[in-house]
Amino acid sequence: MNLKKLILLVGALFIAFWLFQDPQGLADVASTFGEKGWDVTQQLFNSIISFVQSLTSK
């Protein structure tokens, strides 16, 4: 079996096990990662906008 497929299978099994053992904990972690991911995305876009504005203002 391909190593990538094996890693994906183990990851999926881990998430399924976690979902059945502690669904609220999994939901909390997913929510936290979603919020942090959105914050990082906003910071990235704000930095790009600032960079482009600094290039065009000169």
C-alpha atoms as a PDB file:
ATOM      1  CA  MET A   1       0.000   0.000   0.000  1.00  0.00           C
ATOM      2  CA  ASN A   2       1.216   3.478  -0.811  1.00  0.00           C
ATOM      3  CA  LEU A   3       2.558   5.404   2.197  1.00  0.00           C
ATOM      4  CA  LYS A   4       0.331   8.429   1.501  1.00  0.00           C
ATOM      5  CA  LYS A   5      -2.763   6.241   1.391  1.00  0.00           C
ATOM      6  CA  LEU A   6      -1.730   4.544   4.619  1.00  0.00           C
ATOM      7  CA  ILE A   7      -1.228   7.890   6.383  1.00  0.00           C
ATOM      8  CA  LEU A   8      -4.626   9.132   5.132  1.00  0.00           C
ATOM      9  CA  LEU A   9      -6.286   5.908   6.279  1.00  0.00           C
ATOM     10  CA  VAL A  10      -4.732   6.101   9.751  1.00  0.00           C
ATOM     11  CA  GLY A  11      -5.716   9.787  10.008  1.00  0.00           C
ATOM     12  CA  ALA A  12      -9.290   9.056   8.972  1.00  0.00           C
ATOM     13  CA  LEU A  13      -9.526   6.193  11.455  1.00  0.00           C
ATOM     14  CA  PHE A  14      -8.162   8.415  14.215  1.00  0.00           C
ATOM     15  CA  ILE A  15     -10.720  11.148  13.481  1.00  0.00           C
ATOM     16  CA  ALA A  16     -13.545   8.587  13.319  1.00  0.00           C
ATOM     17  CA  PHE A  17     -12.432   7.105  16.654  1.00  0.00           C
ATOM     18  CA  TRP A  18     -12.218  10.597  18.171  1.00  0.00           C
ATOM     19  CA  LEU A  19     -15.671  11.438  16.806  1.00  0.00           C
ATOM     20  CA  PHE A  20     -17.222   8.432  18.555  1.00  0.00           C
ATOM     21  CA  GLN A  21     -15.260   8.830  21.799  1.00  0.00           C
ATOM     22  CA  ASP A  22     -15.456  12.612  22.302  1.00  0.00           C
ATOM     23  CA  PRO A  23     -17.622  14.418  19.735  1.00  0.00           C
ATOM     24  CA  GLN A  24     -17.715  17.678  21.718  1.00  0.00           C
ATOM     25  CA  GLY A  25     -13.933  17.719  22.041  1.00  0.00           C
ATOM     26  CA  LEU A  26     -13.520  17.186  18.304  1.00  0.00           C
ATOM     27  CA  ALA A  27     -16.002  19.974  17.604  1.00  0.00           C
ATOM     28  CA  ASP A  28     -14.139  22.326  19.947  1.00  0.00           C
ATOM     29  CA  VAL A  29     -10.791  21.596  18.289  1.00  0.00           C
ATOM     30  CA  ALA A  30     -12.257  22.017  14.806  1.00  0.00           C
ATOM     31  CA  SER A  31     -13.842  25.314  15.815  1.00  0.00           C
ATOM     32  CA  THR A  32     -10.586  26.599  17.287  1.00  0.00           C
ATOM     33  CA  PHE A  33      -8.596  25.631  14.196  1.00  0.00           C
ATOM     34  CA  GLY A  34     -11.229  27.264  11.994  1.00  0.00           C
ATOM     35  CA  GLU A  35     -11.062  30.519  13.931  1.00  0.00           C
ATOM     36  CA  LYS A  36      -7.256  30.571  13.933  1.00  0.00           C
ATOM     37  CA  GLY A  37      -7.164  29.728  10.223  1.00  0.00           C
ATOM     38  CA  TRP A  38      -9.521  32.602   9.458  1.00  0.00           C
ATOM     39  CA  ASP A  39      -7.408  34.999  11.541  1.00  0.00           C
ATOM     40  CA  VAL A  40      -4.247  33.967   9.684  1.00  0.00           C
ATOM     41  CA  THR A  41      -6.023  34.383   6.338  1.00  0.00           C
ATOM     42  CA  GLN A  42      -7.172  37.889   7.275  1.00  0.00           C
ATOM     43  CA  GLN A  43      -3.667  38.859   8.385  1.00  0.00           C
ATOM     44  CA  LEU A  44      -2.205  37.521   5.148  1.00  0.00           C
ATOM     45  CA  PHE A  45      -4.626  39.482   2.967  1.00  0.00           C
ATOM     46  CA  ASN A  46      -4.136  42.649   5.018  1.00  0.00           C
ATOM     47  CA  SER A  47      -0.373  42.293   4.624  1.00  0.00           C
ATOM     48  CA  ILE A  48      -0.697  41.811   0.869  1.00  0.00           C
ATOM     49  CA  ILE A  49      -2.956  44.865   0.579  1.00  0.00           C
ATOM     50  CA  SER A  50      -0.511  46.972   2.627  1.00  0.00           C
ATOM     51  CA  PHE A  51       2.402  45.781   0.504  1.00  0.00           C
ATOM     52  CA  VAL A  52       0.655  46.603  -2.771  1.00  0.00           C
ATOM     53  CA  GLN A  53      -0.440  49.990  -1.434  1.00  0.00           C
ATOM     54  CA  SER A  54       3.135  50.801  -0.398  1.00  0.00           C
ATOM     55  CA  LEU A  55       4.350  49.906  -3.885  1.00  0.00           C
ATOM     56  CA  THR A  56       1.752  52.038  -5.644  1.00  0.00           C
ATOM     57  CA  SER A  57       2.072  55.069  -3.349  1.00  0.00           C
ATOM     58  CA  LYS A  58       5.618  55.903  -4.471  1.00  0.00           C
END
